[in-house]
Amino acid sequence: MNNNNQPQRSSGVSLLPFLIFVGLYLGIGIYLSTKGVEMAFYQFPILVACLIGILSAFFLHKGDMSSKLNHLVAGMGDTDIMIMCLIYLLAGAFSASADAIGGVKSTVNLALTYIPAQFLVAGVFIISAFLSLAMGTSMGTIGAVVPIAVPLAVASKLNIYLMVGAVLGGAMFGDNLSVISDTTIAATRSQGVEMQDKLRMNFKMAVPAAVITVILLLVLGRPETTPAIKEFDFNIVKIIPYLFVLISALCGMNVFVVLAGGVVLNGIIGIATGAIGFIEFTGAMGKGMMGMAEIFILSILVGGLASMCRADGGFNWLIRKLSSGVKSSASAQLAIGGLVSLVDLAAANNTVAIIISGPIAKDLSNDFKVDPRRSASLLDAFSCVFQGIIPYGAQVLLAISLTSEKAGVILNPLQIIPNVWYCLLLAVFLILSIFVPYADGAIKKDPWNYEYDCKESEVEEKKRNLASEKTI
């Protein structure tokens, strides 16, 4: 979001609406957890909590009703927020239509057919990583892989915690890196950067963590008995849309073209193979778009709430408090990583954590000259680290539920955490990259221009655009 016109008022009281929003969601979640309610943090609607926060802002903030409403609507209609929401809709349409034509099933079955049984755990991690990278959803990946992987773990007398940890790690790999992941969309749009720039940075931290994870799983994840893994049915043609999205995104193609092309490919392949009819295909698209409704609406509401808090000086106050302990770019990066991690621990939702932390991270980025491509990378990666290991997060809870259903084994969520090796290793590489900036090569070649809030290579184009706007 553009903060060039940010007022210089500073007031900690102005953050109260934000605290009410997060506190309500967190407090009710904790209370329901103590009562033994399943999925406790997902019982109280986060949209309601945010709406209550907005209403409190109207009572607590200074100014007349008209100015407050103007700040709210301006934040809700922010260009980056709107672009983010459009990408959400396209991502939902692609993911749901790919699933409807059988792409998810074919991807999992193809991998399981050709992975040697003795490499089962490492193979499951790789399957989960590819699937989440292609689907853009950790929850969908866990839902697709755990029901197959857990029975295989039982048959081969493998440590079920190790198997579930492999699935969770692979799922968070793609959640962090996928071009259609809502975390990637939120992180890049909140910092005003291109997806491919952020992905290149994340790859340099995520891939080493993934490689070491695979090596460890190959060595320590060998089964006591070799399970009989049958050949599964698959259609390799149905995997083509996933490959198109992955490759074209990495090549730097515009995200709207990438996702629209993926949806069209899903339709052509699904109808041509007889997997789905035209009406069923459009229905799947609509269902996928509606599946993004909550995060779509939440992004708009949080954008409005953030605008109100910023206008009344709340963010200025928070930045000053954070800045008192920040002395360099490295400590600013730690502050960004720590902020999104704490919010994720509170909200138990990494996308929500990024949406809430994004505007503050952008201010820190500008104040301490942290390249926004770097801050976007930190927001996404740190939130995914914690989301993969918090015992009350949706990912861990879904894995526990499916393991109980498919194997009759009740897992202790706290015992899962040490087995999610990928997330733990990613945290190590993230912190290392702050003090040893080995992942910053691409951004050093084309540094950020903070005056025009764009890459140096884009400054002239930005000047021309600004000049044409003045002429109009």
Protein backbone atom coordinates (compact mmCIF):
# COMPACT_ATOMS: atom_id res chain seq x y z
CA MET A 1 0.00 0.00 0.00
CA ASN A 2 1.14 3.48 -0.70
CA ASN A 3 2.12 5.32 2.45
CA ASN A 4 3.56 8.45 0.87
CA ASN A 5 0.80 10.59 2.39
CA GLN A 6 0.98 9.02 5.80
CA PRO A 7 0.31 11.58 8.56
CA GLN A 8 2.82 12.23 11.26
CA ARG A 9 0.44 11.85 14.20
CA SER A 10 1.44 9.14 16.67
CA SER A 11 -0.99 7.49 19.07
CA GLY A 12 -0.87 4.09 20.68
CA VAL A 13 -4.61 4.33 21.45
CA SER A 14 -5.24 4.29 17.71
CA LEU A 15 -4.10 0.66 17.61
CA LEU A 16 -6.84 -0.44 20.00
CA PRO A 17 -9.26 -1.40 17.17
CA PHE A 18 -6.58 -3.68 15.73
CA LEU A 19 -5.95 -5.16 19.18
CA ILE A 20 -9.70 -5.67 19.66
CA PHE A 21 -9.86 -7.50 16.33
CA VAL A 22 -6.92 -9.83 17.04
CA GLY A 23 -7.71 -10.13 20.75
CA LEU A 24 -11.28 -11.23 20.15
CA TYR A 25 -10.24 -13.87 17.65
CA LEU A 26 -7.36 -15.13 19.80
CA GLY A 27 -9.19 -14.91 23.15
CA ILE A 28 -12.26 -16.81 22.01
CA GLY A 29 -10.05 -19.40 20.32
CA ILE A 30 -8.08 -19.98 23.52
CA TYR A 31 -11.26 -20.16 25.59
CA LEU A 32 -12.84 -22.73 23.27
CA SER A 33 -9.59 -24.72 23.30
CA THR A 34 -9.77 -25.00 27.10
CA LYS A 35 -13.30 -26.38 26.67
CA GLY A 36 -12.05 -29.09 24.35
CA VAL A 37 -13.80 -27.73 21.25
CA GLU A 38 -12.36 -29.12 18.01
CA MET A 39 -10.83 -26.58 15.61
CA ALA A 40 -11.33 -24.01 18.36
CA PHE A 41 -9.62 -21.16 16.54
CA TYR A 42 -11.96 -21.61 13.58
CA GLN A 43 -15.28 -21.48 15.44
CA PHE A 44 -15.56 -17.71 15.89
CA PRO A 45 -15.76 -16.04 12.43
CA ILE A 46 -12.70 -13.89 11.85
CA LEU A 47 -14.78 -11.60 9.62
CA VAL A 48 -17.00 -10.80 12.60
CA ALA A 49 -13.94 -10.06 14.76
CA CYS A 50 -12.61 -7.70 12.09
CA LEU A 51 -15.97 -5.97 11.70
CA ILE A 52 -16.10 -5.39 15.47
CA GLY A 53 -12.61 -3.90 15.25
CA ILE A 54 -13.78 -1.52 12.50
CA LEU A 55 -16.84 -0.46 14.50
CA SER A 56 -14.64 0.23 17.53
CA ALA A 57 -12.42 2.42 15.32
CA PHE A 58 -15.40 4.64 14.54
CA PHE A 59 -15.93 5.20 18.27
CA LEU A 60 -12.27 5.52 19.35
CA HIS A 61 -10.67 7.49 16.52
CA LYS A 62 -10.72 11.27 16.19
CA GLY A 63 -12.54 13.24 13.49
CA ASP A 64 -16.04 13.39 12.11
CA MET A 65 -17.96 10.44 10.74
CA SER A 66 -17.41 11.49 7.13
CA SER A 67 -13.59 11.56 7.40
CA LYS A 68 -13.54 8.21 9.21
CA LEU A 69 -15.69 6.66 6.52
CA ASN A 70 -13.45 8.13 3.81
CA HIS A 71 -10.35 6.56 5.40
CA LEU A 72 -12.13 3.21 5.72
CA VAL A 73 -13.31 3.14 2.11
CA ALA A 74 -9.97 4.40 0.77
CA GLY A 75 -8.20 1.53 2.53
CA MET A 76 -10.75 -1.03 1.38
CA GLY A 77 -10.41 0.13 -2.22
CA ASP A 78 -6.61 0.39 -2.22
CA THR A 79 -5.20 -0.66 -5.60
CA ASP A 80 -2.99 -3.39 -4.13
CA ILE A 81 -5.91 -4.76 -2.11
CA MET A 82 -8.11 -4.94 -5.22
CA ILE A 83 -5.39 -6.61 -7.31
CA MET A 84 -4.83 -9.07 -4.47
CA CYS A 85 -8.52 -9.93 -4.39
CA LEU A 86 -8.73 -10.46 -8.16
CA ILE A 87 -5.78 -12.84 -7.96
CA TYR A 88 -7.51 -14.70 -5.14
CA LEU A 89 -10.53 -15.28 -7.38
CA LEU A 90 -8.44 -16.54 -10.31
CA ALA A 91 -6.37 -18.76 -8.00
CA GLY A 92 -9.53 -20.26 -6.54
CA ALA A 93 -10.95 -20.91 -10.01
CA PHE A 94 -7.74 -22.61 -11.16
CA SER A 95 -7.29 -24.78 -8.08
CA ALA A 96 -10.90 -25.98 -7.98
CA SER A 97 -11.13 -26.66 -11.72
CA ALA A 98 -7.82 -28.59 -11.67
CA ASP A 99 -9.15 -30.73 -8.84
CA ALA A 100 -12.47 -31.25 -10.65
CA ILE A 101 -10.83 -32.69 -13.79
CA GLY A 102 -8.76 -35.11 -11.68
CA GLY A 103 -5.44 -33.24 -11.65
CA VAL A 104 -4.82 -33.69 -7.92
CA LYS A 105 -5.56 -37.43 -7.97
CA SER A 106 -3.41 -37.98 -11.07
CA THR A 107 -0.48 -36.08 -9.55
CA VAL A 108 -0.48 -38.08 -6.31
CA ASN A 109 -1.06 -41.43 -8.02
CA LEU A 110 1.64 -40.85 -10.64
CA ALA A 111 4.21 -40.14 -7.94
CA LEU A 112 3.23 -43.08 -5.73
CA THR A 113 3.37 -45.47 -8.68
CA TYR A 114 7.00 -44.69 -9.45
CA ILE A 115 8.54 -43.93 -6.05
CA PRO A 116 10.53 -46.93 -4.71
CA ALA A 117 8.99 -48.25 -1.50
CA GLN A 118 12.20 -47.89 0.49
CA PHE A 119 12.18 -44.15 -0.19
CA LEU A 120 8.56 -43.75 0.84
CA VAL A 121 8.85 -40.94 3.43
CA ALA A 122 11.17 -38.80 1.32
CA GLY A 123 8.90 -39.50 -1.65
CA VAL A 124 5.83 -38.37 0.26
CA PHE A 125 7.61 -35.12 1.15
CA ILE A 126 8.42 -34.55 -2.54
CA ILE A 127 4.86 -35.38 -3.60
CA SER A 128 3.47 -32.95 -1.02
CA ALA A 129 5.93 -30.24 -2.06
CA PHE A 130 5.06 -30.54 -5.75
CA LEU A 131 1.34 -30.78 -5.14
CA SER A 132 1.24 -27.75 -2.84
CA LEU A 133 3.44 -25.84 -5.29
CA ALA A 134 0.97 -26.65 -8.06
CA MET A 135 -2.25 -26.24 -6.06
CA GLY A 136 -1.21 -23.29 -3.93
CA THR A 137 -2.87 -24.74 -0.83
CA SER A 138 -1.33 -26.56 2.10
CA MET A 139 -4.75 -27.68 3.34
CA GLY A 140 -5.67 -29.24 -0.01
CA THR A 141 -2.32 -31.00 -0.12
CA ILE A 142 -2.72 -32.45 3.37
CA GLY A 143 -6.25 -33.55 2.55
CA ALA A 144 -5.07 -35.34 -0.59
CA VAL A 145 -1.86 -36.98 0.67
CA VAL A 146 -2.42 -37.94 4.34
CA PRO A 147 -5.22 -40.48 3.61
CA ILE A 148 -2.81 -42.37 1.31
CA ALA A 149 0.48 -41.84 3.15
CA VAL A 150 -0.63 -42.79 6.68
CA PRO A 151 -1.90 -46.31 5.83
CA LEU A 152 1.37 -46.91 3.96
CA ALA A 153 3.30 -45.79 7.06
CA VAL A 154 1.33 -48.22 9.23
CA ALA A 155 1.92 -51.10 6.78
CA SER A 156 5.67 -50.44 6.68
CA LYS A 157 5.94 -49.88 10.47
CA LEU A 158 7.20 -46.37 9.97
CA ASN A 159 7.03 -43.63 12.59
CA ILE A 160 3.65 -42.03 11.83
CA TYR A 161 4.83 -38.72 13.29
CA LEU A 162 7.69 -38.73 10.79
CA MET A 163 5.31 -39.42 7.91
CA VAL A 164 2.84 -36.73 8.96
CA GLY A 165 5.74 -34.31 9.50
CA ALA A 166 6.92 -35.02 5.94
CA VAL A 167 3.47 -34.22 4.55
CA LEU A 168 3.20 -31.02 6.60
CA GLY A 169 6.67 -29.90 5.55
CA GLY A 170 5.99 -30.52 1.88
CA ALA A 171 2.63 -28.77 2.14
CA MET A 172 4.24 -25.65 3.63
CA PHE A 173 6.97 -25.69 0.95
CA GLY A 174 4.38 -24.97 -1.72
CA ASP A 175 2.32 -22.69 0.51
CA ASN A 176 5.41 -20.49 0.70
CA LEU A 177 6.43 -20.69 -2.96
CA SER A 178 3.35 -21.26 -5.11
CA VAL A 179 2.33 -18.40 -7.37
CA ILE A 180 -1.33 -19.11 -6.56
CA SER A 181 -0.86 -19.41 -2.80
CA ASP A 182 -2.83 -16.79 -0.89
CA THR A 183 0.26 -16.13 1.25
CA THR A 184 2.34 -15.31 -1.83
CA ILE A 185 -0.42 -13.07 -3.18
CA ALA A 186 -0.83 -11.24 0.14
CA ALA A 187 2.91 -10.81 0.75
CA THR A 188 3.75 -9.46 -2.71
CA ARG A 189 0.78 -7.13 -3.01
CA SER A 190 1.21 -5.69 0.50
CA GLN A 191 4.82 -4.81 -0.34
CA GLY A 192 4.13 -3.73 -3.92
CA VAL A 193 6.49 -6.18 -5.62
CA GLU A 194 6.32 -8.71 -8.43
CA MET A 195 5.72 -12.35 -7.58
CA GLN A 196 8.67 -13.70 -9.54
CA ASP A 197 11.10 -11.42 -7.66
CA LYS A 198 9.84 -12.64 -4.29
CA LEU A 199 9.80 -16.28 -5.46
CA ARG A 200 13.41 -16.14 -6.62
CA MET A 201 14.46 -14.97 -3.18
CA ASN A 202 12.37 -17.58 -1.37
CA PHE A 203 13.70 -20.39 -3.56
CA LYS A 204 17.25 -19.66 -2.40
CA MET A 205 16.16 -20.26 1.19
CA ALA A 206 13.48 -22.92 0.69
CA VAL A 207 15.34 -25.23 -1.70
CA PRO A 208 18.37 -25.81 0.59
CA ALA A 209 15.98 -26.56 3.47
CA ALA A 210 14.04 -28.96 1.24
CA VAL A 211 17.16 -30.72 -0.03
CA ILE A 212 18.48 -31.33 3.49
CA THR A 213 15.02 -32.54 4.52
CA VAL A 214 14.98 -35.08 1.69
CA ILE A 215 18.46 -36.32 2.62
CA LEU A 216 17.48 -36.75 6.26
CA LEU A 217 14.28 -38.57 5.31
CA LEU A 218 16.17 -40.88 2.96
CA VAL A 219 18.58 -41.80 5.74
CA LEU A 220 16.25 -41.91 8.74
CA GLY A 221 12.94 -42.72 7.08
CA ARG A 222 13.61 -46.21 5.74
CA PRO A 223 10.75 -48.62 6.50
CA GLU A 224 11.25 -51.69 8.70
CA THR A 225 9.28 -53.72 6.19
CA THR A 226 8.81 -52.89 2.53
CA PRO A 227 5.15 -52.15 1.88
CA ALA A 228 3.44 -53.39 -1.24
CA ILE A 229 2.67 -50.27 -3.23
CA LYS A 230 0.30 -51.00 -6.09
CA GLU A 231 0.03 -49.07 -9.32
CA PHE A 232 -2.44 -46.24 -9.05
CA ASP A 233 -4.62 -44.89 -11.85
CA PHE A 234 -3.48 -41.59 -13.33
CA ASN A 235 -3.63 -39.52 -16.49
CA ILE A 236 -0.45 -37.57 -17.11
CA VAL A 237 -2.26 -35.11 -19.41
CA LYS A 238 -4.23 -33.81 -16.44
CA ILE A 239 -0.99 -32.67 -14.79
CA ILE A 240 -0.16 -30.32 -17.70
CA PRO A 241 -2.05 -27.28 -16.28
CA TYR A 242 -0.02 -27.51 -13.06
CA LEU A 243 3.23 -27.65 -15.01
CA PHE A 244 2.12 -24.69 -17.14
CA VAL A 245 1.40 -22.56 -14.07
CA LEU A 246 4.67 -23.50 -12.35
CA ILE A 247 6.92 -22.96 -15.35
CA SER A 248 5.25 -19.81 -16.71
CA ALA A 249 5.23 -18.19 -13.26
CA LEU A 250 8.94 -18.90 -12.76
CA CYS A 251 9.62 -17.46 -16.23
CA GLY A 252 8.12 -14.17 -15.09
CA MET A 253 4.83 -14.24 -16.99
CA ASN A 254 2.12 -11.92 -15.66
CA VAL A 255 0.20 -13.65 -12.89
CA PHE A 256 -3.19 -12.90 -14.46
CA VAL A 257 -2.07 -14.51 -17.73
CA VAL A 258 -0.63 -17.48 -15.82
CA LEU A 259 -3.80 -18.20 -13.89
CA ALA A 260 -6.20 -17.50 -16.75
CA GLY A 261 -4.12 -19.77 -18.99
CA GLY A 262 -4.19 -22.49 -16.33
CA VAL A 263 -7.98 -22.27 -16.05
CA VAL A 264 -8.40 -22.49 -19.84
CA LEU A 265 -6.09 -25.52 -20.00
CA ASN A 266 -8.09 -27.21 -17.24
CA GLY A 267 -11.27 -26.68 -19.24
CA ILE A 268 -9.83 -27.91 -22.53
CA ILE A 269 -8.24 -31.02 -20.99
CA GLY A 270 -11.19 -31.82 -18.74
CA ILE A 271 -13.76 -31.59 -21.53
CA ALA A 272 -11.54 -33.30 -24.14
CA THR A 273 -10.85 -36.29 -21.85
CA GLY A 274 -14.47 -36.56 -20.79
CA ALA A 275 -13.57 -35.95 -17.17
CA ILE A 276 -16.02 -33.08 -16.89
CA GLY A 277 -18.69 -31.27 -18.90
CA PHE A 278 -18.76 -27.56 -19.65
CA ILE A 279 -21.44 -26.74 -17.08
CA GLU A 280 -19.70 -28.86 -14.40
CA PHE A 281 -16.42 -27.12 -15.24
CA THR A 282 -17.88 -23.64 -14.85
CA GLY A 283 -19.56 -24.80 -11.64
CA ALA A 284 -16.18 -25.91 -10.29
CA MET A 285 -14.71 -22.52 -11.20
CA GLY A 286 -17.51 -20.75 -9.38
CA LYS A 287 -17.11 -22.98 -6.34
CA GLY A 288 -13.39 -22.26 -6.25
CA MET A 289 -13.98 -18.52 -6.48
CA MET A 290 -16.56 -18.66 -3.69
CA GLY A 291 -14.07 -20.67 -1.63
CA MET A 292 -11.92 -17.54 -1.61
CA ALA A 293 -14.81 -15.41 -0.32
CA GLU A 294 -13.64 -15.26 3.30
CA ILE A 295 -10.06 -14.26 2.55
CA PHE A 296 -11.34 -11.87 -0.17
CA ILE A 297 -13.66 -10.06 2.25
CA LEU A 298 -11.11 -10.18 5.08
CA SER A 299 -8.45 -8.54 2.90
CA ILE A 300 -10.83 -5.68 2.10
CA LEU A 301 -11.91 -5.22 5.72
CA VAL A 302 -8.36 -5.36 7.10
CA GLY A 303 -7.28 -2.87 4.42
CA GLY A 304 -9.97 -0.47 5.67
CA LEU A 305 -9.11 -1.01 9.34
CA ALA A 306 -5.40 -0.52 8.64
CA SER A 307 -6.15 2.72 6.80
CA MET A 308 -8.13 4.07 9.78
CA CYS A 309 -5.40 3.10 12.25
CA ARG A 310 -2.72 4.65 10.04
CA ALA A 311 -4.66 7.89 9.58
CA ASP A 312 -5.03 8.29 13.33
CA GLY A 313 -1.31 7.69 13.99
CA GLY A 314 -1.46 4.09 15.25
CA PHE A 315 1.08 2.71 12.82
CA ASN A 316 3.41 5.67 13.41
CA TRP A 317 3.35 4.87 17.13
CA LEU A 318 4.03 1.18 16.53
CA ILE A 319 6.84 1.89 14.08
CA ARG A 320 8.49 4.23 16.60
CA LYS A 321 8.27 1.56 19.29
CA LEU A 322 9.67 -1.11 16.99
CA SER A 323 12.31 1.28 15.68
CA SER A 324 13.64 1.93 19.17
CA GLY A 325 15.23 -1.52 19.07
CA VAL A 326 16.05 -1.45 15.36
CA LYS A 327 19.47 -0.11 14.52
CA SER A 328 20.14 -1.58 11.08
CA SER A 329 18.62 -3.28 8.06
CA ALA A 330 19.31 -6.68 9.65
CA SER A 331 17.47 -5.83 12.86
CA ALA A 332 14.60 -4.37 10.80
CA GLN A 333 14.35 -7.69 8.96
CA LEU A 334 14.27 -9.53 12.28
CA ALA A 335 11.51 -7.18 13.42
CA ILE A 336 9.46 -7.95 10.29
CA GLY A 337 9.98 -11.69 10.73
CA GLY A 338 9.20 -11.52 14.43
CA LEU A 339 6.09 -9.41 13.88
CA VAL A 340 4.47 -11.75 11.33
CA SER A 341 5.46 -14.79 13.41
CA LEU A 342 3.79 -13.39 16.53
CA VAL A 343 0.64 -12.48 14.63
CA ASP A 344 0.54 -15.97 13.12
CA LEU A 345 0.89 -17.51 16.57
CA ALA A 346 -2.05 -15.35 17.65
CA ALA A 347 -4.27 -15.76 14.60
CA ALA A 348 -3.28 -19.35 13.66
CA ASN A 349 -3.61 -18.33 10.01
CA ASN A 350 -0.57 -17.34 7.97
CA THR A 351 -2.48 -15.41 5.31
CA VAL A 352 -4.25 -13.37 7.97
CA ALA A 353 -0.89 -12.77 9.67
CA ILE A 354 0.55 -11.38 6.43
CA ILE A 355 -2.48 -9.19 5.74
CA ILE A 356 -2.27 -7.71 9.25
CA SER A 357 1.53 -7.33 9.30
CA GLY A 358 1.96 -6.20 5.69
CA PRO A 359 1.33 -2.45 6.08
CA ILE A 360 3.62 -2.24 9.12
CA ALA A 361 6.31 -4.25 7.34
CA LYS A 362 6.08 -1.86 4.38
CA ASP A 363 6.67 1.12 6.70
CA LEU A 364 9.66 -0.61 8.30
CA SER A 365 10.96 -1.43 4.84
CA ASN A 366 10.85 2.23 3.82
CA ASP A 367 12.29 3.57 7.09
CA PHE A 368 15.25 1.18 7.26
CA LYS A 369 15.83 0.62 3.52
CA VAL A 370 14.91 -3.05 3.54
CA ASP A 371 14.22 -3.98 -0.06
CA PRO A 372 10.44 -4.67 -0.24
CA ARG A 373 11.15 -7.82 -2.26
CA ARG A 374 13.07 -8.96 0.78
CA SER A 375 10.33 -7.94 3.23
CA ALA A 376 7.74 -9.81 1.12
CA SER A 377 9.95 -12.89 1.22
CA LEU A 378 10.33 -12.65 5.00
CA LEU A 379 6.61 -12.15 5.58
CA ASP A 380 5.67 -15.22 3.58
CA ALA A 381 8.43 -17.53 4.77
CA PHE A 382 8.28 -16.73 8.50
CA SER A 383 4.49 -17.09 8.54
CA CYS A 384 4.73 -20.47 6.80
CA VAL A 385 7.36 -21.70 9.26
CA PHE A 386 5.08 -21.16 12.23
CA GLN A 387 1.87 -22.17 10.48
CA GLY A 388 3.40 -25.59 9.80
CA ILE A 389 4.26 -26.27 13.44
CA ILE A 390 1.72 -24.53 15.69
CA PRO A 391 -0.26 -27.35 17.34
CA TYR A 392 -3.58 -25.50 17.07
CA GLY A 393 -3.17 -24.50 13.40
CA ALA A 394 -5.57 -25.81 10.76
CA GLN A 395 -2.82 -27.76 8.99
CA VAL A 396 -1.76 -29.77 12.05
CA LEU A 397 -5.36 -30.28 13.18
CA LEU A 398 -6.42 -31.56 9.75
CA ALA A 399 -3.49 -34.00 9.65
CA ILE A 400 -4.41 -35.29 13.12
CA SER A 401 -8.06 -35.71 12.14
CA LEU A 402 -7.25 -37.61 8.93
CA THR A 403 -4.70 -39.83 10.69
CA SER A 404 -7.32 -40.77 13.28
CA GLU A 405 -9.86 -41.47 10.55
CA LYS A 406 -7.57 -43.53 8.29
CA ALA A 407 -5.37 -45.32 10.83
CA GLY A 408 -7.25 -45.11 14.11
CA VAL A 409 -4.24 -43.38 15.72
CA ILE A 410 -4.67 -40.21 17.81
CA LEU A 411 -1.58 -38.05 17.42
CA ASN A 412 -0.21 -35.66 20.03
CA PRO A 413 0.14 -32.31 18.22
CA LEU A 414 3.17 -31.37 20.32
CA GLN A 415 5.01 -34.49 19.14
CA ILE A 416 4.44 -33.54 15.52
CA ILE A 417 6.48 -30.33 15.78
CA PRO A 418 9.97 -31.95 16.00
CA ASN A 419 9.17 -34.02 12.91
CA VAL A 420 8.27 -31.13 10.61
CA TRP A 421 11.92 -30.88 9.62
CA TYR A 422 11.41 -28.69 6.58
CA CYS A 423 9.82 -25.85 8.57
CA LEU A 424 12.51 -26.01 11.26
CA LEU A 425 15.29 -25.98 8.65
CA LEU A 426 13.61 -23.14 6.74
CA ALA A 427 13.68 -21.07 9.95
CA VAL A 428 17.44 -21.67 10.18
CA PHE A 429 18.05 -20.57 6.57
CA LEU A 430 15.79 -17.54 7.00
CA ILE A 431 17.75 -16.25 9.99
CA LEU A 432 21.04 -17.09 8.26
CA SER A 433 19.99 -15.11 5.18
CA ILE A 434 19.45 -12.00 7.31
CA PHE A 435 23.02 -11.96 8.60
CA VAL A 436 24.64 -13.54 5.53
CA PRO A 437 22.61 -12.12 2.60
CA TYR A 438 23.33 -14.97 0.21
CA ALA A 439 19.82 -14.79 -1.28
CA ASP A 440 20.02 -11.10 -2.23
CA GLY A 441 21.95 -11.43 -5.50
CA ALA A 442 19.02 -10.62 -7.80
CA ILE A 443 17.91 -7.54 -5.87
CA LYS A 444 21.45 -6.18 -5.71
CA LYS A 445 21.64 -6.27 -9.52
CA ASP A 446 18.50 -4.16 -9.75
CA PRO A 447 18.24 -2.26 -6.43
CA TRP A 448 15.08 -0.63 -5.11
CA ASN A 449 14.43 3.06 -5.64
CA TYR A 450 12.64 4.24 -2.51
CA GLU A 451 11.75 7.66 -3.94
CA TYR A 452 9.64 6.12 -6.72
CA ASP A 453 8.91 2.88 -4.85
CA CYS A 454 10.02 0.60 -7.68
CA LYS A 455 13.10 -1.15 -9.08
CA GLU A 456 15.76 1.10 -10.61
CA SER A 457 15.10 -0.51 -13.99
CA GLU A 458 11.49 0.72 -13.79
CA VAL A 459 12.15 4.31 -12.67
CA GLU A 460 11.95 5.88 -16.14
CA GLU A 461 8.66 4.14 -16.87
CA LYS A 462 7.32 5.26 -13.49
CA LYS A 463 8.33 8.86 -14.28
CA ARG A 464 6.53 8.70 -17.63
CA ASN A 465 3.39 7.30 -15.99
CA LEU A 466 3.43 10.01 -13.33
CA ALA A 467 3.93 12.70 -16.00
CA SER A 468 1.00 11.37 -18.05
CA GLU A 469 -1.20 11.33 -14.95
CA LYS A 470 -0.38 14.99 -14.27
CA THR A 471 -1.18 15.86 -17.89
CA ILE A 472 -4.56 14.16 -17.61
